[in-house]
Amino acid sequence: MQPHFTEFAEHARQFEQQMRDAQAELERAVVTGGSADATVTVVADGLGRTRAVRVEPVVFERRDAPALEAAILQAIRAAADNASRLAGARMGPIELHLS
């Protein structure tokens, strides 16, 4: 029984290292998301953490707070969706190795 446990422990250690490596890669990755009207861009890491928000100056001329709020929300959601897709693409190969 000992060889099976040793093999299992080694696979677990390799999986843990792959997960740490993937997480580190996602932390370094940059994704963006934009509003439908292209007035707001959100920059996030691959884990979905917002790093920056960029607003086109034209929104201040419009003085339309509800439109700006909607644009910010759209951009945040788009960045989060892009981060989620990136994480799925990076983590998928790791999960396949478990099968």
Protein backbone atom coordinates (compact mmCIF):
# COMPACT_ATOMS: atom_id res chain seq x y z
CA MET A 1 0.00 0.00 0.00
CA GLN A 2 2.86 2.39 0.65
CA PRO A 3 3.76 2.93 -3.05
CA HIS A 4 0.17 3.96 -3.87
CA PHE A 5 0.11 6.49 -1.05
CA THR A 6 3.49 7.88 -2.08
CA GLU A 7 2.30 8.22 -5.66
CA PHE A 8 -0.92 9.88 -4.51
CA ALA A 9 1.01 12.29 -2.28
CA GLU A 10 3.31 13.20 -5.18
CA HIS A 11 0.34 13.88 -7.46
CA ALA A 12 -1.25 16.03 -4.76
CA ARG A 13 2.00 18.00 -4.35
CA GLN A 14 2.23 18.53 -8.12
CA PHE A 15 -1.40 19.63 -8.29
CA GLU A 16 -0.89 22.08 -5.43
CA GLN A 17 2.15 23.57 -7.18
CA GLN A 18 0.26 23.87 -10.47
CA MET A 19 -2.55 25.68 -8.67
CA ARG A 20 -0.10 28.09 -7.01
CA ASP A 21 1.59 28.73 -10.36
CA ALA A 22 -1.75 29.35 -12.09
CA GLN A 23 -2.87 31.72 -9.35
CA ALA A 24 0.39 33.67 -9.58
CA GLU A 25 0.00 33.86 -13.36
CA LEU A 26 -3.57 35.16 -12.99
CA GLU A 27 -2.43 37.77 -10.47
CA ARG A 28 0.06 39.07 -13.06
CA ALA A 29 -2.38 38.92 -15.97
CA VAL A 30 -4.22 42.03 -17.10
CA VAL A 31 -7.76 42.02 -18.47
CA THR A 32 -9.98 44.91 -19.44
CA GLY A 33 -13.65 45.52 -19.78
CA GLY A 34 -15.46 48.43 -21.37
CA SER A 35 -18.86 50.00 -21.34
CA ALA A 36 -21.09 49.70 -24.38
CA ASP A 37 -20.64 53.39 -25.14
CA ALA A 38 -16.83 53.13 -24.75
CA THR A 39 -16.69 55.88 -22.15
CA VAL A 40 -15.45 53.69 -19.29
CA THR A 41 -12.69 51.08 -19.22
CA VAL A 42 -11.88 48.90 -16.22
CA VAL A 43 -8.49 47.24 -15.86
CA ALA A 44 -8.35 44.15 -13.65
CA ASP A 45 -6.05 41.25 -12.92
CA GLY A 46 -6.82 37.70 -13.98
CA LEU A 47 -8.48 37.05 -10.63
CA GLY A 48 -10.98 39.83 -11.31
CA ARG A 49 -9.56 42.38 -8.88
CA THR A 50 -10.02 45.90 -10.24
CA ARG A 51 -6.75 47.75 -10.73
CA ALA A 52 -7.88 50.92 -12.51
CA VAL A 53 -10.90 52.71 -13.93
CA ARG A 54 -10.53 55.03 -16.90
CA VAL A 55 -13.26 57.48 -17.81
CA GLU A 56 -13.36 59.42 -21.08
CA PRO A 57 -13.58 63.19 -20.43
CA VAL A 58 -16.70 63.47 -22.58
CA VAL A 59 -18.78 61.99 -19.73
CA PHE A 60 -18.15 65.08 -17.64
CA GLU A 61 -19.47 67.34 -20.40
CA ARG A 62 -22.67 65.32 -20.53
CA ARG A 63 -23.28 65.61 -16.78
CA ASP A 64 -25.40 62.48 -16.91
CA ALA A 65 -24.75 60.67 -13.64
CA PRO A 66 -27.07 57.71 -14.31
CA ALA A 67 -25.43 57.06 -17.67
CA LEU A 68 -21.97 57.19 -16.07
CA GLU A 69 -23.07 54.83 -13.30
CA ALA A 70 -24.42 52.38 -15.89
CA ALA A 71 -21.23 52.62 -17.95
CA ILE A 72 -19.05 51.92 -14.90
CA LEU A 73 -21.16 48.91 -13.98
CA GLN A 74 -20.99 47.57 -17.55
CA ALA A 75 -17.21 47.95 -17.61
CA ILE A 76 -16.77 46.24 -14.23
CA ARG A 77 -18.94 43.32 -15.32
CA ALA A 78 -17.11 43.02 -18.63
CA ALA A 79 -13.72 42.96 -16.89
CA ALA A 80 -14.98 40.34 -14.40
CA ASP A 81 -16.31 38.20 -17.27
CA ASN A 82 -12.99 38.45 -19.10
CA ALA A 83 -11.10 37.52 -15.91
CA SER A 84 -13.40 34.54 -15.41
CA ARG A 85 -12.81 33.31 -18.96
CA LEU A 86 -9.05 33.72 -18.55
CA ALA A 87 -9.09 31.83 -15.25
CA GLY A 88 -11.12 29.04 -16.82
CA ALA A 89 -8.67 28.80 -19.69
CA ARG A 90 -5.68 28.71 -17.33
CA MET A 91 -7.19 26.35 -14.76
CA GLY A 92 -8.84 23.99 -17.23
CA PRO A 93 -5.57 22.29 -18.25
CA ILE A 94 -4.72 21.70 -14.60
CA GLU A 95 -8.06 20.01 -13.98
CA LEU A 96 -7.57 17.79 -17.04
CA HIS A 97 -4.37 16.39 -15.53
CA LEU A 98 -6.33 15.07 -12.58
CA SER A 99 -8.47 12.78 -14.70
